[in-house]
Each structure stands twice: as C-alpha cells, then as structure tokens.
PDB file of N, CA and C in Angstrom:
ATOM      1  N   MET A   1       0.817  -1.082   0.037  1.00  0.00           N
ATOM      2  CA  MET A   1      -0.042   0.072  -0.055  1.00  0.00           C
ATOM      3  C   MET A   1       0.822   1.233  -0.029  1.00  0.00           C
ATOM      4  N   LYS A   2       1.920   1.245   0.727  1.00  0.00           N
ATOM      5  CA  LYS A   2       2.838   2.329   0.897  1.00  0.00           C
ATOM      6  C   LYS A   2       3.506   2.631  -0.460  1.00  0.00           C
ATOM      7  N   GLN A   3       3.878   1.487  -1.185  1.00  0.00           N
ATOM      8  CA  GLN A   3       4.559   1.745  -2.425  1.00  0.00           C
ATOM      9  C   GLN A   3       3.546   2.364  -3.495  1.00  0.00           C
ATOM     10  N   VAL A   4       2.404   1.906  -3.521  1.00  0.00           N
ATOM     11  CA  VAL A   4       1.435   2.508  -4.410  1.00  0.00           C
ATOM     12  C   VAL A   4       1.183   4.029  -4.133  1.00  0.00           C
ATOM     13  N   LEU A   5       1.062   4.308  -2.882  1.00  0.00           N
ATOM     14  CA  LEU A   5       0.876   5.689  -2.435  1.00  0.00           C
ATOM     15  C   LEU A   5       2.072   6.569  -2.767  1.00  0.00           C
ATOM     16  N   CYS A   6       3.208   6.058  -2.606  1.00  0.00           N
ATOM     17  CA  CYS A   6       4.446   6.766  -2.971  1.00  0.00           C
ATOM     18  C   CYS A   6       4.535   6.963  -4.495  1.00  0.00           C
ATOM     19  N   ALA A   7       4.172   5.945  -5.263  1.00  0.00           N
ATOM     20  CA  ALA A   7       4.106   6.042  -6.711  1.00  0.00           C
ATOM     21  C   ALA A   7       3.199   7.140  -7.177  1.00  0.00           C
ATOM     22  N   VAL A   8       2.040   7.123  -6.693  1.00  0.00           N
ATOM     23  CA  VAL A   8       1.042   8.034  -7.002  1.00  0.00           C
ATOM     24  C   VAL A   8       1.499   9.494  -6.649  1.00  0.00           C
ATOM     25  N   LEU A   9       2.046   9.667  -5.519  1.00  0.00           N
ATOM     26  CA  LEU A   9       2.520  10.926  -5.028  1.00  0.00           C
ATOM     27  C   LEU A   9       3.625  11.441  -5.994  1.00  0.00           C
ATOM     28  N   VAL A  10       4.544  10.608  -6.349  1.00  0.00           N
ATOM     29  CA  VAL A  10       5.595  10.960  -7.215  1.00  0.00           C
ATOM     30  C   VAL A  10       5.105  11.376  -8.623  1.00  0.00           C
ATOM     31  N   MET A  11       4.176  10.663  -9.136  1.00  0.00           N
ATOM     32  CA  MET A  11       3.538  10.927 -10.448  1.00  0.00           C
ATOM     33  C   MET A  11       2.764  12.332 -10.367  1.00  0.00           C
ATOM     34  N   LEU A  12       2.099  12.611  -9.283  1.00  0.00           N
ATOM     35  CA  LEU A  12       1.456  13.880  -9.148  1.00  0.00           C
ATOM     36  C   LEU A  12       2.474  15.031  -9.105  1.00  0.00           C
ATOM     37  N   LEU A  13       3.559  14.809  -8.382  1.00  0.00           N
ATOM     38  CA  LEU A  13       4.526  15.886  -8.242  1.00  0.00           C
ATOM     39  C   LEU A  13       5.262  16.130  -9.576  1.00  0.00           C
ATOM     40  N   VAL A  14       5.471  15.133 -10.382  1.00  0.00           N
ATOM     41  CA  VAL A  14       6.181  15.201 -11.654  1.00  0.00           C
ATOM     42  C   VAL A  14       5.295  15.789 -12.794  1.00  0.00           C
ATOM     43  N   SER A  15       3.966  15.434 -12.659  1.00  0.00           N
ATOM     44  CA  SER A  15       3.134  15.695 -13.805  1.00  0.00           C
ATOM     45  C   SER A  15       2.987  17.210 -14.025  1.00  0.00           C
ATOM     46  N   GLY A  16       3.035  18.055 -13.115  1.00  0.00           N
ATOM     47  CA  GLY A  16       2.927  19.509 -13.374  1.00  0.00           C
ATOM     48  C   GLY A  16       4.214  20.283 -13.322  1.00  0.00           C
ATOM     49  N   CYS A  17       5.326  19.587 -13.530  1.00  0.00           N
ATOM     50  CA  CYS A  17       6.534  20.343 -13.401  1.00  0.00           C
ATOM     51  C   CYS A  17       7.038  21.000 -14.649  1.00  0.00           C
ATOM     52  N   ARG A  18       7.555  22.191 -14.440  1.00  0.00           N
ATOM     53  CA  ARG A  18       8.358  22.810 -15.482  1.00  0.00           C
ATOM     54  C   ARG A  18       9.773  22.842 -14.941  1.00  0.00           C
ATOM     55  N   PRO A  19      10.722  23.065 -15.819  1.00  0.00           N
ATOM     56  CA  PRO A  19      12.161  23.295 -15.248  1.00  0.00           C
ATOM     57  C   PRO A  19      12.091  24.400 -14.189  1.00  0.00           C
ATOM     58  N   PHE A  20      12.782  24.302 -13.182  1.00  0.00           N
ATOM     59  CA  PHE A  20      12.703  25.183 -12.029  1.00  0.00           C
ATOM     60  C   PHE A  20      12.875  26.705 -12.276  1.00  0.00           C
ATOM     61  N   TRP A  21      13.802  26.965 -13.277  1.00  0.00           N
ATOM     62  CA  TRP A  21      13.984  28.346 -13.628  1.00  0.00           C
ATOM     63  C   TRP A  21      12.917  29.035 -14.329  1.00  0.00           C
ATOM     64  N   LEU A  22      12.016  28.221 -15.019  1.00  0.00           N
ATOM     65  CA  LEU A  22      10.837  28.686 -15.648  1.00  0.00           C
ATOM     66  C   LEU A  22       9.762  28.950 -14.698  1.00  0.00           C
ATOM     67  N   LEU A  23       9.772  28.392 -13.577  1.00  0.00           N
ATOM     68  CA  LEU A  23       8.761  28.609 -12.545  1.00  0.00           C
ATOM     69  C   LEU A  23       8.796  30.024 -11.977  1.00  0.00           C
ATOM     70  N   THR A  24      10.009  30.651 -12.070  1.00  0.00           N
ATOM     71  CA  THR A  24      10.258  31.943 -11.444  1.00  0.00           C
ATOM     72  C   THR A  24       9.890  33.092 -12.370  1.00  0.00           C
ATOM     73  N   VAL A  25       9.614  32.780 -13.681  1.00  0.00           N
ATOM     74  CA  VAL A  25       9.279  33.804 -14.643  1.00  0.00           C
ATOM     75  C   VAL A  25       7.833  34.227 -14.466  1.00  0.00           C
ATOM     76  N   ASP A  26       7.625  35.508 -14.296  1.00  0.00           N
ATOM     77  CA  ASP A  26       6.288  36.109 -14.104  1.00  0.00           C
ATOM     78  C   ASP A  26       6.056  37.150 -15.117  1.00  0.00           C
ATOM     79  N   PRO A  27       5.419  36.776 -16.192  1.00  0.00           N
ATOM     80  CA  PRO A  27       5.304  37.800 -17.296  1.00  0.00           C
ATOM     81  C   PRO A  27       4.273  38.930 -16.825  1.00  0.00           C
ATOM     82  N   GLN A  28       4.772  40.166 -17.056  1.00  0.00           N
ATOM     83  CA  GLN A  28       3.865  41.325 -16.837  1.00  0.00           C
ATOM     84  C   GLN A  28       2.991  41.627 -17.895  1.00  0.00           C
ATOM     85  N   GLY A  29       1.800  42.060 -17.660  1.00  0.00           N
ATOM     86  CA  GLY A  29       0.898  42.399 -18.737  1.00  0.00           C
ATOM     87  C   GLY A  29      -0.577  42.045 -18.309  1.00  0.00           C
ATOM     88  N   PRO A  30      -1.511  42.352 -19.190  1.00  0.00           N
ATOM     89  CA  PRO A  30      -2.903  42.061 -18.986  1.00  0.00           C
ATOM     90  C   PRO A  30      -3.145  40.534 -18.897  1.00  0.00           C
ATOM     91  N   PRO A  31      -4.301  40.103 -18.400  1.00  0.00           N
ATOM     92  CA  PRO A  31      -4.490  38.599 -18.188  1.00  0.00           C
ATOM     93  C   PRO A  31      -4.440  37.863 -19.536  1.00  0.00           C
ATOM     94  N   GLU A  32      -4.850  38.397 -20.574  1.00  0.00           N
ATOM     95  CA  GLU A  32      -4.820  37.739 -21.928  1.00  0.00           C
ATOM     96  C   GLU A  32      -3.330  37.476 -22.278  1.00  0.00           C
ATOM     97  N   TYR A  33      -2.458  38.471 -22.023  1.00  0.00           N
ATOM     98  CA  TYR A  33      -1.121  38.252 -22.422  1.00  0.00           C
ATOM     99  C   TYR A  33      -0.401  37.207 -21.462  1.00  0.00           C
ATOM    100  N   GLN A  34      -0.829  37.268 -20.167  1.00  0.00           N
ATOM    101  CA  GLN A  34      -0.218  36.224 -19.236  1.00  0.00           C
ATOM    102  C   GLN A  34      -0.741  34.742 -19.654  1.00  0.00           C
ATOM    103  N   LEU A  35      -1.998  34.638 -20.017  1.00  0.00           N
ATOM    104  CA  LEU A  35      -2.496  33.301 -20.407  1.00  0.00           C
ATOM    105  C   LEU A  35      -1.808  32.844 -21.659  1.00  0.00           C
ATOM    106  N   GLY A  36      -1.645  33.842 -22.705  1.00  0.00           N
ATOM    107  CA  GLY A  36      -0.939  33.408 -23.844  1.00  0.00           C
ATOM    108  C   GLY A  36       0.547  32.995 -23.642  1.00  0.00           C
ATOM    109  N   TRP A  37       1.175  33.765 -22.591  1.00  0.00           N
ATOM    110  CA  TRP A  37       2.620  33.398 -22.294  1.00  0.00           C
ATOM    111  C   TRP A  37       2.601  32.067 -21.689  1.00  0.00           C
ATOM    112  N   GLN A  38       1.812  31.706 -20.780  1.00  0.00           N
ATOM    113  CA  GLN A  38       1.846  30.357 -20.160  1.00  0.00           C
ATOM    114  C   GLN A  38       1.546  29.316 -21.124  1.00  0.00           C
ATOM    115  N   ASP A  39       0.556  29.455 -22.027  1.00  0.00           N
ATOM    116  CA  ASP A  39       0.275  28.461 -23.025  1.00  0.00           C
ATOM    117  C   ASP A  39       1.432  28.351 -24.002  1.00  0.00           C
ATOM    118  N   GLY A  40       1.981  29.439 -24.383  1.00  0.00           N
ATOM    119  CA  GLY A  40       3.167  29.485 -25.325  1.00  0.00           C
ATOM    120  C   GLY A  40       4.424  28.749 -24.652  1.00  0.00           C
ATOM    121  N   CYS A  41       4.567  29.074 -23.318  1.00  0.00           N
ATOM    122  CA  CYS A  41       5.753  28.452 -22.670  1.00  0.00           C
ATOM    123  C   CYS A  41       5.554  26.930 -22.572  1.00  0.00           C
ATOM    124  N   ASP A  42       4.444  26.462 -22.275  1.00  0.00           N
ATOM    125  CA  ASP A  42       4.060  25.000 -22.184  1.00  0.00           C
ATOM    126  C   ASP A  42       4.295  24.368 -23.587  1.00  0.00           C
ATOM    127  N   SER A  43       3.949  25.036 -24.600  1.00  0.00           N
ATOM    128  CA  SER A  43       4.171  24.571 -25.995  1.00  0.00           C
ATOM    129  C   SER A  43       5.600  24.603 -26.367  1.00  0.00           C
ATOM    130  N   GLY A  44       6.300  25.592 -25.969  1.00  0.00           N
ATOM    131  CA  GLY A  44       7.793  25.702 -26.183  1.00  0.00           C
ATOM    132  C   GLY A  44       8.562  24.616 -25.538  1.00  0.00           C
ATOM    133  N   ILE A  45       8.213  24.292 -24.305  1.00  0.00           N
ATOM    134  CA  ILE A  45       8.905  23.241 -23.599  1.00  0.00           C
ATOM    135  C   ILE A  45       8.568  21.876 -24.256  1.00  0.00           C
ATOM    136  N   SER A  46       7.355  21.715 -24.622  1.00  0.00           N
ATOM    137  CA  SER A  46       6.983  20.469 -25.342  1.00  0.00           C
ATOM    138  C   SER A  46       7.674  20.345 -26.709  1.00  0.00           C
ATOM    139  N   ALA A  47       7.812  21.450 -27.435  1.00  0.00           N
ATOM    140  CA  ALA A  47       8.581  21.408 -28.704  1.00  0.00           C
ATOM    141  C   ALA A  47      10.076  20.944 -28.467  1.00  0.00           C
ATOM    142  N   GLU A  48      10.657  21.440 -27.514  1.00  0.00           N
ATOM    143  CA  GLU A  48      12.137  21.264 -27.310  1.00  0.00           C
ATOM    144  C   GLU A  48      12.377  20.043 -26.319  1.00  0.00           C
ATOM    145  N   GLY A  49      11.494  19.728 -25.515  1.00  0.00           N
ATOM    146  CA  GLY A  49      11.799  18.769 -24.463  1.00  0.00           C
ATOM    147  C   GLY A  49      11.686  17.275 -24.988  1.00  0.00           C
ATOM    148  N   GLU A  50      11.992  16.426 -23.977  1.00  0.00           N
ATOM    149  CA  GLU A  50      11.889  15.009 -24.312  1.00  0.00           C
ATOM    150  C   GLU A  50      10.434  14.511 -24.167  1.00  0.00           C
ATOM    151  N   TRP A  51      10.233  13.273 -24.222  1.00  0.00           N
ATOM    152  CA  TRP A  51       8.921  12.702 -24.352  1.00  0.00           C
ATOM    153  C   TRP A  51       8.120  12.997 -23.128  1.00  0.00           C
ATOM    154  N   MET A  52       8.730  13.092 -22.003  1.00  0.00           N
ATOM    155  CA  MET A  52       8.029  13.407 -20.662  1.00  0.00           C
ATOM    156  C   MET A  52       7.367  14.749 -20.779  1.00  0.00           C
ATOM    157  N   TYR A  53       8.161  15.693 -21.285  1.00  0.00           N
ATOM    158  CA  TYR A  53       7.625  17.127 -21.445  1.00  0.00           C
ATOM    159  C   TYR A  53       6.567  17.186 -22.504  1.00  0.00           C
ATOM    160  N   LYS A  54       6.703  16.336 -23.589  1.00  0.00           N
ATOM    161  CA  LYS A  54       5.668  16.396 -24.665  1.00  0.00           C
ATOM    162  C   LYS A  54       4.338  15.707 -24.049  1.00  0.00           C
ATOM    163  N   LEU A  55       4.424  14.745 -23.182  1.00  0.00           N
ATOM    164  CA  LEU A  55       3.230  14.247 -22.623  1.00  0.00           C
ATOM    165  C   LEU A  55       2.524  15.196 -21.595  1.00  0.00           C
ATOM    166  N   MET A  56       3.407  15.849 -20.767  1.00  0.00           N
ATOM    167  CA  MET A  56       2.909  16.688 -19.760  1.00  0.00           C
ATOM    168  C   MET A  56       2.308  18.053 -20.235  1.00  0.00           C
ATOM    169  N   HIS A  57       3.012  18.634 -21.225  1.00  0.00           N
ATOM    170  CA  HIS A  57       2.612  20.021 -21.606  1.00  0.00           C
ATOM    171  C   HIS A  57       1.865  20.027 -22.941  1.00  0.00           C
ATOM    172  N   GLY A  58       2.348  19.395 -23.950  1.00  0.00           N
ATOM    173  CA  GLY A  58       1.735  19.358 -25.294  1.00  0.00           C
ATOM    174  C   GLY A  58       1.587  20.730 -25.886  1.00  0.00           C
ATOM    175  N   PHE A  59       0.911  20.737 -26.923  1.00  0.00           N
ATOM    176  CA  PHE A  59       0.696  21.994 -27.729  1.00  0.00           C
ATOM    177  C   PHE A  59      -0.557  22.648 -27.274  1.00  0.00           C
ATOM    178  N   LYS A  60      -0.489  23.978 -26.749  1.00  0.00           N
ATOM    179  CA  LYS A  60      -1.581  24.630 -26.193  1.00  0.00           C
ATOM    180  C   LYS A  60      -1.861  26.006 -26.980  1.00  0.00           C
ATOM    181  N   LYS A  61      -2.886  26.129 -27.596  1.00  0.00           N
ATOM    182  CA  LYS A  61      -3.242  27.379 -28.228  1.00  0.00           C
ATOM    183  C   LYS A  61      -4.795  27.470 -28.268  1.00  0.00           C
ATOM    184  N   ARG A  62      -5.364  28.349 -27.425  1.00  0.00           N
ATOM    185  CA  ARG A  62      -6.753  28.345 -27.306  1.00  0.00           C
ATOM    186  C   ARG A  62      -7.423  29.052 -28.437  1.00  0.00           C
ATOM    187  N   PRO A  63      -8.340  28.237 -29.111  1.00  0.00           N
ATOM    188  CA  PRO A  63      -9.075  28.837 -30.401  1.00  0.00           C
ATOM    189  C   PRO A  63      -9.905  29.987 -29.911  1.00  0.00           C
ATOM    190  N   GLU A  64     -10.503  30.046 -28.770  1.00  0.00           N
ATOM    191  CA  GLU A  64     -11.363  31.073 -28.384  1.00  0.00           C
ATOM    192  C   GLU A  64     -10.644  32.414 -28.146  1.00  0.00           C
ATOM    193  N   MET A  65      -9.270  32.410 -28.068  1.00  0.00           N
ATOM    194  CA  MET A  65      -8.464  33.548 -27.899  1.00  0.00           C
ATOM    195  C   MET A  65      -7.849  34.006 -29.230  1.00  0.00           C
ATOM    196  N   SER A  66      -8.170  33.466 -30.380  1.00  0.00           N
ATOM    197  CA  SER A  66      -7.640  33.775 -31.658  1.00  0.00           C
ATOM    198  C   SER A  66      -7.745  35.219 -32.037  1.00  0.00           C
ATOM    199  N   ALA A  67      -8.723  35.924 -31.509  1.00  0.00           N
ATOM    200  CA  ALA A  67      -8.958  37.316 -31.920  1.00  0.00           C
ATOM    201  C   ALA A  67      -8.292  38.296 -31.014  1.00  0.00           C
ATOM    202  N   SER A  68      -7.505  37.785 -30.025  1.00  0.00           N
ATOM    203  CA  SER A  68      -6.924  38.721 -29.064  1.00  0.00           C
ATOM    204  C   SER A  68      -5.373  38.789 -29.453  1.00  0.00           C
ATOM    205  N   ASP A  69      -5.023  40.008 -29.854  1.00  0.00           N
ATOM    206  CA  ASP A  69      -3.654  40.292 -30.162  1.00  0.00           C
ATOM    207  C   ASP A  69      -2.664  40.103 -28.952  1.00  0.00           C
ATOM    208  N   GLN A  70      -3.170  40.485 -27.796  1.00  0.00           N
ATOM    209  CA  GLN A  70      -2.369  40.274 -26.557  1.00  0.00           C
ATOM    210  C   GLN A  70      -2.039  38.822 -26.258  1.00  0.00           C
ATOM    211  N   TYR A  71      -3.089  37.964 -26.518  1.00  0.00           N
ATOM    212  CA  TYR A  71      -2.833  36.553 -26.289  1.00  0.00           C
ATOM    213  C   TYR A  71      -1.788  36.043 -27.228  1.00  0.00           C
ATOM    214  N   LYS A  72      -1.885  36.454 -28.622  1.00  0.00           N
ATOM    215  CA  LYS A  72      -0.955  36.022 -29.591  1.00  0.00           C
ATOM    216  C   LYS A  72       0.408  36.479 -29.228  1.00  0.00           C
ATOM    217  N   GLN A  73       0.595  37.706 -28.856  1.00  0.00           N
ATOM    218  CA  GLN A  73       1.900  38.214 -28.654  1.00  0.00           C
ATOM    219  C   GLN A  73       2.491  37.473 -27.359  1.00  0.00           C
ATOM    220  N   GLY A  74       1.693  37.294 -26.290  1.00  0.00           N
ATOM    221  CA  GLY A  74       2.106  36.560 -25.127  1.00  0.00           C
ATOM    222  C   GLY A  74       2.469  35.134 -25.490  1.00  0.00           C
ATOM    223  N   TRP A  75       1.630  34.439 -26.270  1.00  0.00           N
ATOM    224  CA  TRP A  75       1.890  33.031 -26.810  1.00  0.00           C
ATOM    225  C   TRP A  75       3.294  33.028 -27.490  1.00  0.00           C
ATOM    226  N   ASN A  76       3.440  33.964 -28.427  1.00  0.00           N
ATOM    227  CA  ASN A  76       4.750  33.863 -29.271  1.00  0.00           C
ATOM    228  C   ASN A  76       6.018  34.138 -28.316  1.00  0.00           C
ATOM    229  N   GLU A  77       5.859  35.146 -27.393  1.00  0.00           N
ATOM    230  CA  GLU A  77       7.002  35.434 -26.512  1.00  0.00           C
ATOM    231  C   GLU A  77       7.280  34.281 -25.535  1.00  0.00           C
ATOM    232  N   GLY A  78       6.173  33.685 -25.009  1.00  0.00           N
ATOM    233  CA  GLY A  78       6.360  32.532 -24.136  1.00  0.00           C
ATOM    234  C   GLY A  78       7.005  31.358 -24.796  1.00  0.00           C
ATOM    235  N   PHE A  79       6.489  31.091 -25.998  1.00  0.00           N
ATOM    236  CA  PHE A  79       7.054  29.925 -26.739  1.00  0.00           C
ATOM    237  C   PHE A  79       8.474  30.068 -27.024  1.00  0.00           C
ATOM    238  N   THR A  80       8.882  31.229 -27.466  1.00  0.00           N
ATOM    239  CA  THR A  80      10.251  31.478 -27.835  1.00  0.00           C
ATOM    240  C   THR A  80      11.108  31.486 -26.601  1.00  0.00           C
ATOM    241  N   TYR A  81      10.727  32.184 -25.576  1.00  0.00           N
ATOM    242  CA  TYR A  81      11.553  32.297 -24.311  1.00  0.00           C
ATOM    243  C   TYR A  81      11.721  30.884 -23.742  1.00  0.00           C
ATOM    244  N   CYS A  82      10.663  30.105 -23.601  1.00  0.00           N
ATOM    245  CA  CYS A  82      10.805  28.859 -22.796  1.00  0.00           C
ATOM    246  C   CYS A  82      11.465  27.744 -23.745  1.00  0.00           C
ATOM    247  N   ARG A  83      11.310  27.798 -24.999  1.00  0.00           N
ATOM    248  CA  ARG A  83      11.833  26.750 -25.936  1.00  0.00           C
ATOM    249  C   ARG A  83      13.372  27.037 -25.964  1.00  0.00           C
ATOM    250  N   PHE A  84      13.844  28.209 -26.097  1.00  0.00           N
ATOM    251  CA  PHE A  84      15.288  28.433 -26.278  1.00  0.00           C
ATOM    252  C   PHE A  84      15.966  28.465 -24.829  1.00  0.00           C
ATOM    253  N   SER A  85      15.258  28.851 -23.858  1.00  0.00           N
ATOM    254  CA  SER A  85      15.828  28.649 -22.459  1.00  0.00           C
ATOM    255  C   SER A  85      16.089  27.218 -22.176  1.00  0.00           C
ATOM    256  N   TYR A  86      15.115  26.364 -22.470  1.00  0.00           N
ATOM    257  CA  TYR A  86      15.218  24.954 -22.141  1.00  0.00           C
ATOM    258  C   TYR A  86      16.323  24.321 -23.005  1.00  0.00           C
ATOM    259  N   ALA A  87      16.339  24.733 -24.329  1.00  0.00           N
ATOM    260  CA  ALA A  87      17.521  24.197 -25.222  1.00  0.00           C
ATOM    261  C   ALA A  87      18.792  24.612 -24.728  1.00  0.00           C
ATOM    262  N   ALA A  88      18.953  25.861 -24.233  1.00  0.00           N
ATOM    263  CA  ALA A  88      20.182  26.274 -23.680  1.00  0.00           C
ATOM    264  C   ALA A  88      20.641  25.475 -22.450  1.00  0.00           C
ATOM    265  N   SER A  89      19.660  25.236 -21.646  1.00  0.00           N
ATOM    266  CA  SER A  89      19.893  24.418 -20.408  1.00  0.00           C
ATOM    267  C   SER A  89      20.459  23.010 -20.746  1.00  0.00           C
ATOM    268  N   LYS A  90      20.244  22.513 -21.817  1.00  0.00           N
ATOM    269  CA  LYS A  90      20.735  21.100 -22.192  1.00  0.00           C
ATOM    270  C   LYS A  90      22.138  21.072 -22.682  1.00  0.00           C
ATOM    271  N   GLN A  91      22.650  22.298 -23.050  1.00  0.00           N
ATOM    272  CA  GLN A  91      23.993  22.486 -23.534  1.00  0.00           C
ATOM    273  C   GLN A  91      24.944  22.642 -22.398  1.00  0.00           C
ATOM    274  N   PRO A  92      26.179  22.225 -22.557  1.00  0.00           N
ATOM    275  CA  PRO A  92      27.159  22.570 -21.424  1.00  0.00           C
ATOM    276  C   PRO A  92      27.477  24.004 -21.368  1.00  0.00           C
ATOM    277  N   GLY A  93      27.487  24.511 -20.252  1.00  0.00           N
ATOM    278  CA  GLY A  93      27.726  26.015 -20.178  1.00  0.00           C
ATOM    279  C   GLY A  93      27.367  26.456 -18.697  1.00  0.00           C
ATOM    280  N   ASN A  94      27.043  27.717 -18.583  1.00  0.00           N
ATOM    281  CA  ASN A  94      26.776  28.158 -17.293  1.00  0.00           C
ATOM    282  C   ASN A  94      25.284  28.656 -17.189  1.00  0.00           C
ATOM    283  N   TRP A  95      24.829  29.120 -15.998  1.00  0.00           N
ATOM    284  CA  TRP A  95      23.444  29.470 -15.869  1.00  0.00           C
ATOM    285  C   TRP A  95      23.086  30.762 -16.537  1.00  0.00           C
ATOM    286  N   GLU A  96      24.055  31.558 -16.975  1.00  0.00           N
ATOM    287  CA  GLU A  96      23.691  32.802 -17.733  1.00  0.00           C
ATOM    288  C   GLU A  96      23.060  32.452 -19.029  1.00  0.00           C
ATOM    289  N   ASP A  97      23.280  31.245 -19.560  1.00  0.00           N
ATOM    290  CA  ASP A  97      22.787  30.898 -20.861  1.00  0.00           C
ATOM    291  C   ASP A  97      21.298  30.524 -20.865  1.00  0.00           C
ATOM    292  N   VAL A  98      20.707  30.283 -19.690  1.00  0.00           N
ATOM    293  CA  VAL A  98      19.238  29.981 -19.628  1.00  0.00           C
ATOM    294  C   VAL A  98      18.463  31.143 -19.280  1.00  0.00           C
ATOM    295  N   GLY A  99      19.046  32.371 -19.196  1.00  0.00           N
ATOM    296  CA  GLY A  99      18.250  33.544 -18.952  1.00  0.00           C
ATOM    297  C   GLY A  99      18.172  33.967 -17.538  1.00  0.00           C
ATOM    298  N   LEU A 100      19.096  33.390 -16.642  1.00  0.00           N
ATOM    299  CA  LEU A 100      18.990  33.810 -15.278  1.00  0.00           C
ATOM    300  C   LEU A 100      19.987  35.011 -14.911  1.00  0.00           C
ATOM    301  N   GLY A 101      20.700  35.378 -15.836  1.00  0.00           N
ATOM    302  CA  GLY A 101      21.754  36.352 -15.561  1.00  0.00           C
ATOM    303  C   GLY A 101      22.829  35.853 -14.776  1.00  0.00           C
ATOM    304  N   SER A 102      23.408  36.500 -13.930  1.00  0.00           N
ATOM    305  CA  SER A 102      24.593  36.076 -13.141  1.00  0.00           C
ATOM    306  C   SER A 102      24.158  35.732 -11.689  1.00  0.00           C
ATOM    307  N   GLY A 103      22.909  35.430 -11.462  1.00  0.00           N
ATOM    308  CA  GLY A 103      22.331  35.235 -10.205  1.00  0.00           C
ATOM    309  C   GLY A 103      22.753  33.859  -9.627  1.00  0.00           C
ATOM    310  N   PHE A 104      23.217  32.923 -10.407  1.00  0.00           N
ATOM    311  CA  PHE A 104      23.707  31.607  -9.890  1.00  0.00           C
ATOM    312  C   PHE A 104      25.081  31.389  -9.943  1.00  0.00           C
TER     313      PHE A 104
END
C-alpha cells in the first residue's frame, strides 16, 4: 500500500513540473497576455523537450483567444523564451545561458 501511495505521489509531483528556472518567470501584462505566455511556454517546452515534457505539456493554443492580439503576442514570446531557455539548459555552459543572468 505504501509503495502504491508513494508512486502516485511521485507521479502527481512530476506531472505538473516545469524546469525550475521557468517557474520563477512572471510575465507582466494584462490577463490575456499572461494566459498566452503560459500556453506558449508550455508549448515551447513540449517542442524542445523529451517525451516526458511532450506528454505533460503538449501544444496549447486556445481557439477562443484567436482574436486577441495580446494573447497572440504573449503566446509567441512565451514559446520563444521557454523553448530556447530549455534548449540552452541542455547544452554545457553556465546558468547565464538559460536567462538567469549572473544570479547563480
């Protein structure tokens, strides 16, 4: 019973995870922009990531927001930022390459 409970707990913890440095990014702007940024970021991680990220995040673009320019701009910026930040994190180098500056 304990093993099953631990396995379920681990699956729940892993299922909603983004790379930790992307959890600290808080896009500024109206709610439509922020929603677009989050969806674009998930899509960017899915595009660049391994199979686990593809299963967890997938491609997200809300058809009901297709008329919102703010959503589109947020989606494009989130996709680009998260995709290339994740790609840079897989390369040998330092933390400045993933967009954290010299903070680490």
